[in-house]
Amino acid sequence: AHVRYLVLDEADKMLSLGFKPQLDRLYGMMLASYDSTAAAVQPVAATAKKDGAAKKRKKGQPAPEPSEPVAVAPPAAVEGGCARPQVLLLSATMPGEVAAAAAQWLRRPEEVSVGEGGANAISRTVTQVVHVCAEHKKPDKLLKHLGRIRDATPPTERNPPRVLVFCNRVKTVRFLAGMLAKEGYKAAQLHGQRSQ
C-alpha cells in the first residue's frame, strides 16, 4: 500500500505542544526518500544511440545535441512507481513556528485562508459580546444574556440564534454545559478531552 496523502491537522496546536520532533520523524519516514529522489533526478534530456549506449565525450567538450530523447522523471519524484504523497498542513493560526514547518515539509505550497480581511477578521454575521464581571457572577450574567437573546427571538423562528461560549478550562466547559442543560438550553461541549 502506498500513501497518497499526509494530513497534518491542527499543526499549530501540535507544534505548540512540542510535537515537532515526532512530526519531523514522521516526515522523514514517509517523505524523505521522495525528496532525496527528487533532488537526485534532474529534468534534463540525455542522449542515447539506437543501441542504447550513451555517447562518450572528452572532458571540457560541450554536450552534443540529443539524438534521441530519454525519459527522465519529473521533479515531483516517483519512487516505486508512486508519486510523492500530497501533504496538507491545516492550522487555525499561522505563527512563525507553523510557517517554518510549512517551509520545511511542503513543496510548492498553496495557502488557503477562510474569511475576509486577514487572519484576525471576524465574520459580519457574528456579533461579539463581552461582559466584564466578578468570577462568581459569570454564570448568572451568562443566563441573563442568553435569556435576552431567547426573549428577542420570535417563537415562530425556525433557526434560533446559536451562541458560542468560550472558556479557558475544561472543567468550566463541563460545568456550563450542565448548568445550561438544567435551564433548558441545548448545549454541546467542545474541548480537547473529548474522545474522537
N, C-alpha and C. Protein backbone atom coordinates (compact mmCIF):
# COMPACT_ATOMS: atom_id res chain seq x y z
N ALA A 1 0.85 -1.18 0.00
CA ALA A 1 0.00 0.00 0.00
C ALA A 1 0.89 1.24 0.00
N HIS A 2 0.46 2.24 -0.73
CA HIS A 2 1.22 3.48 -0.83
C HIS A 2 0.39 4.63 -0.26
N VAL A 3 1.06 5.54 0.39
CA VAL A 3 0.41 6.71 0.96
C VAL A 3 0.22 7.74 -0.15
N ARG A 4 -1.00 8.25 -0.27
CA ARG A 4 -1.27 9.27 -1.27
C ARG A 4 -1.37 10.66 -0.64
N TYR A 5 -1.81 10.71 0.62
CA TYR A 5 -1.99 11.98 1.32
C TYR A 5 -1.44 11.88 2.73
N LEU A 6 -0.80 12.94 3.18
CA LEU A 6 -0.38 13.08 4.57
C LEU A 6 -1.03 14.36 5.07
N VAL A 7 -1.96 14.23 6.03
CA VAL A 7 -2.70 15.38 6.55
C VAL A 7 -2.20 15.69 7.95
N LEU A 8 -1.68 16.87 8.14
CA LEU A 8 -1.23 17.35 9.45
C LEU A 8 -2.26 18.37 9.93
N ASP A 9 -3.27 17.89 10.64
CA ASP A 9 -4.35 18.75 11.11
C ASP A 9 -3.97 19.38 12.45
N GLU A 10 -4.45 20.59 12.68
CA GLU A 10 -4.15 21.34 13.90
C GLU A 10 -2.64 21.43 14.13
N ALA A 11 -1.93 21.77 13.07
CA ALA A 11 -0.47 21.84 13.14
C ALA A 11 0.00 22.85 14.19
N ASP A 12 -0.70 23.97 14.30
CA ASP A 12 -0.30 24.96 15.29
C ASP A 12 -0.36 24.39 16.70
N LYS A 13 -1.39 23.61 16.97
CA LYS A 13 -1.55 23.01 18.30
C LYS A 13 -0.47 21.96 18.54
N MET A 14 -0.22 21.10 17.54
CA MET A 14 0.80 20.05 17.71
C MET A 14 2.17 20.66 17.96
N LEU A 15 2.50 21.72 17.22
CA LEU A 15 3.80 22.35 17.39
C LEU A 15 3.90 23.06 18.74
N SER A 16 2.82 23.71 19.16
CA SER A 16 2.86 24.41 20.46
C SER A 16 2.96 23.43 21.62
N LEU A 17 2.51 22.19 21.42
CA LEU A 17 2.62 21.17 22.46
C LEU A 17 3.96 20.43 22.42
N GLY A 18 4.83 20.83 21.48
CA GLY A 18 6.18 20.26 21.44
C GLY A 18 6.32 18.99 20.63
N PHE A 19 5.43 18.76 19.66
CA PHE A 19 5.49 17.54 18.85
C PHE A 19 6.35 17.68 17.60
N LYS A 20 7.14 18.74 17.49
CA LYS A 20 7.98 18.94 16.29
C LYS A 20 8.91 17.76 16.04
N PRO A 21 9.60 17.21 17.06
CA PRO A 21 10.49 16.07 16.78
C PRO A 21 9.73 14.85 16.23
N GLN A 22 8.54 14.59 16.75
CA GLN A 22 7.76 13.46 16.26
C GLN A 22 7.27 13.71 14.83
N LEU A 23 6.88 14.94 14.54
CA LEU A 23 6.43 15.27 13.19
C LEU A 23 7.60 15.20 12.21
N ASP A 24 8.78 15.65 12.63
CA ASP A 24 9.97 15.53 11.78
C ASP A 24 10.27 14.06 11.49
N ARG A 25 10.12 13.23 12.50
CA ARG A 25 10.38 11.79 12.33
C ARG A 25 9.37 11.18 11.36
N LEU A 26 8.10 11.53 11.52
CA LEU A 26 7.06 11.05 10.62
C LEU A 26 7.35 11.50 9.20
N TYR A 27 7.72 12.77 9.05
CA TYR A 27 8.08 13.30 7.74
C TYR A 27 9.24 12.50 7.14
N GLY A 28 10.27 12.27 7.95
CA GLY A 28 11.43 11.52 7.48
C GLY A 28 11.08 10.11 7.04
N MET A 29 10.23 9.44 7.83
CA MET A 29 9.85 8.06 7.49
C MET A 29 9.02 8.00 6.22
N MET A 30 8.17 9.00 6.00
CA MET A 30 7.24 8.93 4.88
C MET A 30 7.70 9.65 3.62
N LEU A 31 8.42 10.75 3.78
CA LEU A 31 8.65 11.61 2.62
C LEU A 31 10.10 11.87 2.26
N ALA A 32 11.02 11.63 3.16
CA ALA A 32 12.42 11.98 2.88
C ALA A 32 12.95 11.26 1.65
N SER A 33 12.58 9.99 1.46
CA SER A 33 13.08 9.26 0.30
C SER A 33 12.57 9.86 -1.00
N TYR A 34 11.34 10.37 -1.00
CA TYR A 34 10.81 11.03 -2.19
C TYR A 34 11.58 12.30 -2.47
N ASP A 35 11.87 13.07 -1.40
CA ASP A 35 12.56 14.34 -1.58
C ASP A 35 14.00 14.14 -2.03
N SER A 36 14.69 13.11 -1.50
CA SER A 36 16.06 12.87 -1.93
C SER A 36 16.07 12.37 -3.36
N THR A 37 15.05 11.59 -3.75
CA THR A 37 14.94 11.15 -5.14
C THR A 37 14.72 12.35 -6.04
N ALA A 38 13.87 13.28 -5.59
CA ALA A 38 13.59 14.47 -6.39
C ALA A 38 14.84 15.30 -6.59
N ALA A 39 15.67 15.39 -5.55
CA ALA A 39 16.90 16.17 -5.66
C ALA A 39 17.88 15.50 -6.61
N ALA A 40 17.89 14.17 -6.62
CA ALA A 40 18.82 13.44 -7.48
C ALA A 40 18.38 13.43 -8.93
N VAL A 41 17.08 13.50 -9.18
CA VAL A 41 16.56 13.45 -10.54
C VAL A 41 16.51 14.86 -11.10
N GLN A 42 17.18 15.07 -12.21
CA GLN A 42 17.19 16.38 -12.85
C GLN A 42 16.39 16.29 -14.14
N PRO A 43 15.51 17.23 -14.40
CA PRO A 43 14.72 17.20 -15.61
C PRO A 43 15.52 17.69 -16.82
N VAL A 44 16.52 16.91 -17.21
CA VAL A 44 17.34 17.26 -18.36
C VAL A 44 17.27 16.14 -19.38
N ALA A 45 17.51 16.48 -20.62
CA ALA A 45 17.50 15.47 -21.68
C ALA A 45 18.88 14.85 -21.77
N ALA A 46 18.92 13.58 -22.06
CA ALA A 46 20.19 12.87 -22.25
C ALA A 46 20.22 12.36 -23.68
N THR A 47 21.39 11.93 -24.11
CA THR A 47 21.49 11.39 -25.47
C THR A 47 21.75 9.91 -25.41
N ALA A 48 21.27 9.23 -26.41
CA ALA A 48 21.49 7.79 -26.49
C ALA A 48 21.54 7.39 -27.95
N LYS A 49 22.37 6.37 -28.23
CA LYS A 49 22.40 5.82 -29.57
C LYS A 49 21.25 4.85 -29.70
N LYS A 50 21.00 4.41 -30.90
CA LYS A 50 19.92 3.46 -31.15
C LYS A 50 20.12 2.19 -30.35
N ASP A 51 21.38 1.78 -30.12
CA ASP A 51 21.63 0.54 -29.38
C ASP A 51 21.54 0.77 -27.87
N GLY A 52 21.28 2.00 -27.42
CA GLY A 52 21.09 2.28 -26.00
C GLY A 52 22.36 2.73 -25.30
N ALA A 53 23.51 2.66 -25.92
CA ALA A 53 24.75 3.07 -25.27
C ALA A 53 24.88 4.58 -25.36
N ALA A 54 25.22 5.22 -24.28
CA ALA A 54 25.37 6.68 -24.26
C ALA A 54 26.67 7.06 -24.94
N LYS A 55 26.69 8.21 -25.62
CA LYS A 55 27.90 8.72 -26.25
C LYS A 55 28.88 9.14 -25.18
N LYS A 56 30.17 8.88 -25.44
CA LYS A 56 31.21 9.32 -24.52
C LYS A 56 31.82 10.58 -25.10
N ARG A 57 32.16 11.53 -24.22
CA ARG A 57 32.80 12.75 -24.68
C ARG A 57 33.95 13.09 -23.75
N LYS A 58 34.92 13.81 -24.29
CA LYS A 58 36.08 14.19 -23.51
C LYS A 58 35.73 15.34 -22.58
N LYS A 59 36.51 15.43 -21.51
CA LYS A 59 36.33 16.50 -20.54
C LYS A 59 36.46 17.85 -21.22
N GLY A 60 35.53 18.77 -20.91
CA GLY A 60 35.59 20.11 -21.48
C GLY A 60 34.84 20.25 -22.78
N GLN A 61 34.46 19.14 -23.42
CA GLN A 61 33.69 19.22 -24.65
C GLN A 61 32.24 19.53 -24.33
N PRO A 62 31.59 20.34 -25.14
CA PRO A 62 30.17 20.60 -24.90
C PRO A 62 29.35 19.34 -25.18
N ALA A 63 28.23 19.25 -24.52
CA ALA A 63 27.36 18.09 -24.73
C ALA A 63 26.76 18.18 -26.12
N PRO A 64 26.73 17.06 -26.84
CA PRO A 64 26.15 17.07 -28.18
C PRO A 64 24.63 17.24 -28.10
N GLU A 65 24.06 17.65 -29.23
CA GLU A 65 22.60 17.76 -29.31
C GLU A 65 22.01 16.37 -29.12
N PRO A 66 20.88 16.28 -28.44
CA PRO A 66 20.29 14.97 -28.24
C PRO A 66 19.85 14.36 -29.57
N SER A 67 20.21 13.08 -29.78
CA SER A 67 19.78 12.40 -30.99
C SER A 67 18.49 11.64 -30.74
N GLU A 68 18.28 11.27 -29.51
CA GLU A 68 17.07 10.54 -29.14
C GLU A 68 16.72 10.93 -27.71
N PRO A 69 15.51 11.40 -27.46
CA PRO A 69 15.18 11.78 -26.09
C PRO A 69 15.10 10.58 -25.17
N VAL A 70 15.55 10.77 -23.96
CA VAL A 70 15.47 9.73 -22.94
C VAL A 70 14.53 10.24 -21.86
N ALA A 71 13.58 9.42 -21.46
CA ALA A 71 12.60 9.83 -20.45
C ALA A 71 13.29 10.05 -19.12
N VAL A 72 13.00 11.16 -18.49
CA VAL A 72 13.54 11.49 -17.18
C VAL A 72 12.36 11.79 -16.27
N ALA A 73 12.43 11.30 -15.04
CA ALA A 73 11.33 11.53 -14.10
C ALA A 73 11.14 13.02 -13.87
N PRO A 74 9.90 13.48 -13.76
CA PRO A 74 9.65 14.89 -13.48
C PRO A 74 10.11 15.26 -12.08
N PRO A 75 10.21 16.56 -11.79
CA PRO A 75 10.66 16.97 -10.46
C PRO A 75 9.83 16.39 -9.32
N ALA A 76 8.52 16.19 -9.51
CA ALA A 76 7.72 15.52 -8.49
C ALA A 76 8.16 14.08 -8.51
N ALA A 77 9.00 13.70 -7.55
CA ALA A 77 9.68 12.42 -7.57
C ALA A 77 8.73 11.24 -7.58
N VAL A 78 9.19 10.20 -8.25
CA VAL A 78 8.43 8.96 -8.31
C VAL A 78 9.31 7.88 -7.72
N GLU A 79 8.78 7.15 -6.77
CA GLU A 79 9.52 6.07 -6.13
C GLU A 79 8.67 4.82 -6.21
N GLY A 80 9.20 3.78 -6.80
CA GLY A 80 8.43 2.55 -6.90
C GLY A 80 7.16 2.74 -7.70
N GLY A 81 7.17 3.67 -8.66
CA GLY A 81 6.00 3.90 -9.48
C GLY A 81 4.95 4.78 -8.83
N CYS A 82 5.22 5.31 -7.66
CA CYS A 82 4.23 6.13 -6.95
C CYS A 82 4.73 7.56 -6.79
N ALA A 83 3.85 8.50 -7.02
CA ALA A 83 4.22 9.91 -6.84
C ALA A 83 4.31 10.24 -5.36
N ARG A 84 5.07 11.28 -5.07
CA ARG A 84 5.21 11.75 -3.69
C ARG A 84 3.82 12.08 -3.14
N PRO A 85 3.52 11.66 -1.90
CA PRO A 85 2.21 11.96 -1.33
C PRO A 85 1.99 13.47 -1.22
N GLN A 86 0.74 13.87 -1.37
CA GLN A 86 0.40 15.27 -1.17
C GLN A 86 0.32 15.52 0.33
N VAL A 87 0.94 16.60 0.78
CA VAL A 87 0.95 16.94 2.20
C VAL A 87 0.03 18.13 2.42
N LEU A 88 -0.91 17.98 3.35
CA LEU A 88 -1.81 19.06 3.71
C LEU A 88 -1.53 19.45 5.15
N LEU A 89 -1.23 20.71 5.37
CA LEU A 89 -0.96 21.23 6.71
C LEU A 89 -2.10 22.19 7.04
N LEU A 90 -2.89 21.83 8.05
CA LEU A 90 -4.06 22.63 8.42
C LEU A 90 -3.80 23.28 9.77
N SER A 91 -4.12 24.56 9.85
CA SER A 91 -3.83 25.30 11.07
C SER A 91 -4.82 26.45 11.23
N ALA A 92 -5.31 26.65 12.44
CA ALA A 92 -6.21 27.77 12.70
C ALA A 92 -5.45 29.09 12.69
N THR A 93 -4.18 29.04 13.06
CA THR A 93 -3.35 30.24 13.08
C THR A 93 -2.06 29.94 12.31
N MET A 94 -1.33 30.99 11.96
CA MET A 94 -0.10 30.80 11.20
C MET A 94 1.07 31.52 11.86
N PRO A 95 1.41 31.13 13.11
CA PRO A 95 2.57 31.76 13.75
C PRO A 95 3.85 31.35 13.05
N GLY A 96 4.95 32.00 13.41
CA GLY A 96 6.23 31.73 12.76
C GLY A 96 6.63 30.28 12.79
N GLU A 97 6.33 29.59 13.88
CA GLU A 97 6.68 28.18 14.03
C GLU A 97 5.97 27.32 12.96
N VAL A 98 4.71 27.63 12.68
CA VAL A 98 3.95 26.89 11.67
C VAL A 98 4.46 27.24 10.28
N ALA A 99 4.75 28.51 10.05
CA ALA A 99 5.27 28.94 8.75
C ALA A 99 6.61 28.26 8.46
N ALA A 100 7.47 28.14 9.48
CA ALA A 100 8.76 27.47 9.30
C ALA A 100 8.57 25.99 9.00
N ALA A 101 7.63 25.35 9.69
CA ALA A 101 7.35 23.93 9.44
C ALA A 101 6.79 23.75 8.04
N ALA A 102 5.93 24.66 7.61
CA ALA A 102 5.37 24.58 6.26
C ALA A 102 6.48 24.68 5.22
N ALA A 103 7.42 25.59 5.44
CA ALA A 103 8.54 25.75 4.50
C ALA A 103 9.39 24.48 4.45
N GLN A 104 9.50 23.80 5.59
CA GLN A 104 10.32 22.58 5.65
C GLN A 104 9.60 21.38 5.02
N TRP A 105 8.32 21.23 5.27
CA TRP A 105 7.61 20.00 4.90
C TRP A 105 6.86 20.07 3.57
N LEU A 106 6.53 21.26 3.09
CA LEU A 106 5.68 21.37 1.91
C LEU A 106 6.48 21.73 0.67
N ARG A 107 6.04 21.25 -0.46
CA ARG A 107 6.65 21.57 -1.75
C ARG A 107 5.63 22.36 -2.56
N ARG A 108 6.02 23.52 -3.02
CA ARG A 108 5.14 24.40 -3.79
C ARG A 108 3.79 24.57 -3.07
N PRO A 109 3.81 25.05 -1.83
CA PRO A 109 2.55 25.15 -1.07
C PRO A 109 1.61 26.22 -1.61
N GLU A 110 0.34 25.98 -1.40
CA GLU A 110 -0.70 26.97 -1.70
C GLU A 110 -1.41 27.26 -0.39
N GLU A 111 -1.55 28.53 -0.07
CA GLU A 111 -2.21 28.91 1.18
C GLU A 111 -3.66 29.25 0.90
N VAL A 112 -4.55 28.67 1.68
CA VAL A 112 -5.97 28.94 1.58
C VAL A 112 -6.42 29.54 2.90
N SER A 113 -6.97 30.75 2.85
CA SER A 113 -7.45 31.42 4.05
C SER A 113 -8.97 31.49 4.00
N VAL A 114 -9.59 31.26 5.13
CA VAL A 114 -11.04 31.33 5.21
C VAL A 114 -11.42 32.69 5.77
N GLY A 115 -12.34 33.36 5.13
CA GLY A 115 -12.80 34.66 5.62
C GLY A 115 -12.12 35.80 4.90
N GLU A 116 -12.62 36.99 5.15
CA GLU A 116 -12.09 38.20 4.52
C GLU A 116 -11.34 39.04 5.54
N GLY A 117 -10.47 39.88 5.06
CA GLY A 117 -9.84 40.87 5.92
C GLY A 117 -8.67 40.36 6.73
N GLY A 118 -8.08 39.27 6.34
CA GLY A 118 -6.90 38.80 7.05
C GLY A 118 -7.19 37.77 8.11
N ALA A 119 -6.13 37.38 8.79
CA ALA A 119 -6.20 36.28 9.75
C ALA A 119 -7.07 36.59 10.96
N ASN A 120 -7.16 37.86 11.36
CA ASN A 120 -7.90 38.20 12.57
C ASN A 120 -9.28 38.78 12.30
N ALA A 121 -9.75 38.68 11.07
CA ALA A 121 -11.05 39.24 10.72
C ALA A 121 -12.18 38.43 11.34
N ILE A 122 -13.25 39.11 11.67
CA ILE A 122 -14.44 38.47 12.24
C ILE A 122 -15.56 38.57 11.22
N SER A 123 -16.28 37.50 11.05
CA SER A 123 -17.38 37.47 10.10
C SER A 123 -18.40 38.55 10.43
N ARG A 124 -18.99 39.13 9.37
CA ARG A 124 -20.02 40.14 9.58
C ARG A 124 -21.29 39.55 10.17
N THR A 125 -21.44 38.23 10.10
CA THR A 125 -22.65 37.59 10.63
C THR A 125 -22.51 37.22 12.11
N VAL A 126 -21.37 37.53 12.71
CA VAL A 126 -21.13 37.21 14.11
C VAL A 126 -21.14 38.49 14.94
N THR A 127 -21.88 38.47 16.03
CA THR A 127 -21.88 39.58 16.97
C THR A 127 -21.13 39.13 18.22
N GLN A 128 -20.11 39.88 18.58
CA GLN A 128 -19.35 39.55 19.79
C GLN A 128 -19.83 40.41 20.95
N VAL A 129 -20.02 39.76 22.09
CA VAL A 129 -20.43 40.47 23.30
C VAL A 129 -19.47 40.08 24.41
N VAL A 130 -18.95 41.06 25.11
CA VAL A 130 -18.06 40.81 26.24
C VAL A 130 -18.66 41.48 27.47
N HIS A 131 -18.88 40.70 28.52
CA HIS A 131 -19.35 41.24 29.79
C HIS A 131 -18.22 41.05 30.80
N VAL A 132 -17.79 42.13 31.39
CA VAL A 132 -16.75 42.06 32.42
C VAL A 132 -17.45 42.04 33.78
N CYS A 133 -17.14 41.02 34.57
CA CYS A 133 -17.76 40.92 35.89
C CYS A 133 -16.91 40.02 36.78
N ALA A 134 -17.27 39.99 38.04
CA ALA A 134 -16.55 39.14 39.00
C ALA A 134 -16.79 37.67 38.65
N GLU A 135 -15.83 36.84 38.97
CA GLU A 135 -15.87 35.41 38.63
C GLU A 135 -17.17 34.75 39.12
N HIS A 136 -17.57 35.02 40.34
CA HIS A 136 -18.75 34.34 40.91
C HIS A 136 -20.06 34.80 40.27
N LYS A 137 -20.04 35.92 39.53
CA LYS A 137 -21.25 36.43 38.88
C LYS A 137 -21.40 35.95 37.43
N LYS A 138 -20.38 35.30 36.89
CA LYS A 138 -20.40 34.92 35.47
C LYS A 138 -21.56 33.99 35.10
N PRO A 139 -21.85 32.93 35.87
CA PRO A 139 -22.97 32.06 35.46
C PRO A 139 -24.30 32.81 35.37
N ASP A 140 -24.62 33.65 36.36
CA ASP A 140 -25.88 34.40 36.33
C ASP A 140 -25.89 35.40 35.17
N LYS A 141 -24.77 36.05 34.95
CA LYS A 141 -24.67 37.02 33.86
C LYS A 141 -24.89 36.32 32.51
N LEU A 142 -24.31 35.14 32.35
CA LEU A 142 -24.49 34.37 31.11
C LEU A 142 -25.96 33.99 30.93
N LEU A 143 -26.60 33.49 31.98
CA LEU A 143 -28.01 33.09 31.88
C LEU A 143 -28.90 34.29 31.53
N LYS A 144 -28.63 35.45 32.11
CA LYS A 144 -29.41 36.65 31.78
C LYS A 144 -29.22 37.04 30.32
N HIS A 145 -28.00 36.97 29.85
CA HIS A 145 -27.72 37.32 28.45
C HIS A 145 -28.42 36.35 27.50
N LEU A 146 -28.32 35.06 27.78
CA LEU A 146 -28.99 34.07 26.94
C LEU A 146 -30.51 34.24 26.99
N GLY A 147 -31.03 34.62 28.16
CA GLY A 147 -32.47 34.88 28.28
C GLY A 147 -32.90 36.04 27.41
N ARG A 148 -32.09 37.10 27.35
CA ARG A 148 -32.41 38.25 26.48
C ARG A 148 -32.42 37.83 25.01
N ILE A 149 -31.47 36.99 24.63
CA ILE A 149 -31.43 36.52 23.24
C ILE A 149 -32.68 35.68 22.95
N ARG A 150 -33.03 34.79 23.87
CA ARG A 150 -34.20 33.93 23.68
C ARG A 150 -35.48 34.78 23.61
N ASP A 151 -35.60 35.78 24.49
CA ASP A 151 -36.79 36.62 24.51
C ASP A 151 -36.92 37.47 23.24
N ALA A 152 -35.80 37.84 22.64
CA ALA A 152 -35.82 38.67 21.43
C ALA A 152 -36.08 37.85 20.17
N THR A 153 -36.07 36.54 20.30
CA THR A 153 -36.27 35.67 19.14
C THR A 153 -37.76 35.33 19.02
N PRO A 154 -38.38 35.61 17.87
CA PRO A 154 -39.79 35.28 17.70
C PRO A 154 -40.02 33.77 17.86
N PRO A 155 -41.15 33.36 18.47
CA PRO A 155 -41.41 31.93 18.68
C PRO A 155 -41.54 31.16 17.38
N THR A 156 -41.85 31.85 16.29
CA THR A 156 -42.00 31.17 15.00
C THR A 156 -40.67 30.97 14.28
N GLU A 157 -39.61 31.51 14.83
CA GLU A 157 -38.27 31.40 14.22
C GLU A 157 -37.85 29.94 14.14
N ARG A 158 -37.59 29.47 12.92
CA ARG A 158 -37.19 28.06 12.74
C ARG A 158 -35.73 27.83 13.11
N ASN A 159 -34.92 28.85 12.94
CA ASN A 159 -33.49 28.73 13.25
C ASN A 159 -33.11 29.76 14.30
N PRO A 160 -33.30 29.43 15.57
CA PRO A 160 -32.94 30.40 16.61
C PRO A 160 -31.44 30.67 16.61
N PRO A 161 -31.03 31.81 17.14
CA PRO A 161 -29.60 32.14 17.15
C PRO A 161 -28.78 31.10 17.91
N ARG A 162 -27.58 30.90 17.44
CA ARG A 162 -26.64 29.99 18.11
C ARG A 162 -25.61 30.83 18.83
N VAL A 163 -25.18 30.34 19.96
CA VAL A 163 -24.25 31.10 20.80
C VAL A 163 -23.05 30.23 21.11
N LEU A 164 -21.87 30.80 20.98
CA LEU A 164 -20.63 30.13 21.40
C LEU A 164 -20.15 30.80 22.68
N VAL A 165 -19.85 29.99 23.67
CA VAL A 165 -19.31 30.50 24.93
C VAL A 165 -17.92 29.91 25.08
N PHE A 166 -16.91 30.75 25.15
CA PHE A 166 -15.53 30.29 25.27
C PHE A 166 -15.12 30.26 26.74
N CYS A 167 -14.46 29.19 27.11
CA CYS A 167 -13.95 29.02 28.48
C CYS A 167 -12.47 28.68 28.41
N ASN A 168 -11.75 28.96 29.49
CA ASN A 168 -10.32 28.67 29.47
C ASN A 168 -9.95 27.40 30.23
N ARG A 169 -10.96 26.65 30.70
CA ARG A 169 -10.70 25.38 31.39
C ARG A 169 -11.75 24.36 30.99
N VAL A 170 -11.34 23.11 30.86
CA VAL A 170 -12.27 22.04 30.52
C VAL A 170 -13.33 21.88 31.60
N LYS A 171 -12.94 22.00 32.86
CA LYS A 171 -13.92 21.82 33.94
C LYS A 171 -14.99 22.92 33.89
N THR A 172 -14.62 24.11 33.43
CA THR A 172 -15.61 25.18 33.29
C THR A 172 -16.58 24.86 32.16
N VAL A 173 -16.07 24.30 31.07
CA VAL A 173 -16.94 23.89 29.95
C VAL A 173 -17.95 22.87 30.45
N ARG A 174 -17.48 21.88 31.18
CA ARG A 174 -18.38 20.84 31.70
C ARG A 174 -19.43 21.43 32.65
N PHE A 175 -18.99 22.32 33.52
CA PHE A 175 -19.91 22.96 34.46
C PHE A 175 -20.99 23.73 33.71
N LEU A 176 -20.58 24.56 32.73
CA LEU A 176 -21.55 25.37 31.99
C LEU A 176 -22.50 24.51 31.17
N ALA A 177 -22.01 23.44 30.57
CA ALA A 177 -22.90 22.57 29.79
C ALA A 177 -23.98 21.97 30.69
N GLY A 178 -23.60 21.54 31.88
CA GLY A 178 -24.58 21.00 32.83
C GLY A 178 -25.57 22.06 33.28
N MET A 179 -25.07 23.25 33.61
CA MET A 179 -25.93 24.33 34.06
C MET A 179 -26.93 24.73 32.97
N LEU A 180 -26.45 24.86 31.74
CA LEU A 180 -27.32 25.26 30.64
C LEU A 180 -28.37 24.20 30.35
N ALA A 181 -27.99 22.92 30.43
CA ALA A 181 -28.95 21.84 30.21
C ALA A 181 -30.06 21.91 31.27
N LYS A 182 -29.71 22.17 32.52
CA LYS A 182 -30.71 22.28 33.60
C LYS A 182 -31.66 23.45 33.36
N GLU A 183 -31.17 24.49 32.69
CA GLU A 183 -32.00 25.67 32.40
C GLU A 183 -32.79 25.52 31.10
N GLY A 184 -32.69 24.36 30.45
CA GLY A 184 -33.47 24.10 29.25
C GLY A 184 -32.81 24.47 27.93
N TYR A 185 -31.54 24.78 27.96
CA TYR A 185 -30.82 25.11 26.73
C TYR A 185 -30.18 23.85 26.16
N LYS A 186 -30.16 23.76 24.84
CA LYS A 186 -29.41 22.68 24.19
C LYS A 186 -27.95 23.13 24.16
N ALA A 187 -27.11 22.40 24.82
CA ALA A 187 -25.70 22.80 24.91
C ALA A 187 -24.82 21.61 24.58
N ALA A 188 -23.80 21.86 23.79
CA ALA A 188 -22.82 20.82 23.45
C ALA A 188 -21.45 21.29 23.91
N GLN A 189 -20.66 20.35 24.38
CA GLN A 189 -19.31 20.67 24.83
C GLN A 189 -18.31 20.39 23.70
N LEU A 190 -17.34 21.25 23.60
CA LEU A 190 -16.26 21.03 22.64
C LEU A 190 -14.96 21.39 23.34
N HIS A 191 -14.15 20.37 23.60
CA HIS A 191 -12.86 20.59 24.27
C HIS A 191 -11.91 19.45 23.92
N GLY A 192 -10.67 19.62 24.29
CA GLY A 192 -9.62 18.68 23.90
C GLY A 192 -9.66 17.33 24.58
N GLN A 193 -10.46 17.16 25.62
CA GLN A 193 -10.52 15.87 26.30
C GLN A 193 -11.67 14.99 25.83
N ARG A 194 -12.41 15.46 24.83
CA ARG A 194 -13.49 14.63 24.27
C ARG A 194 -12.87 13.56 23.39
N SER A 195 -13.47 12.38 23.40
CA SER A 195 -12.96 11.31 22.53
C SER A 195 -13.36 11.62 21.10
N GLN A 196 -12.50 11.20 20.17
CA GLN A 196 -12.79 11.50 18.77
C GLN A 196 -13.23 10.26 18.09
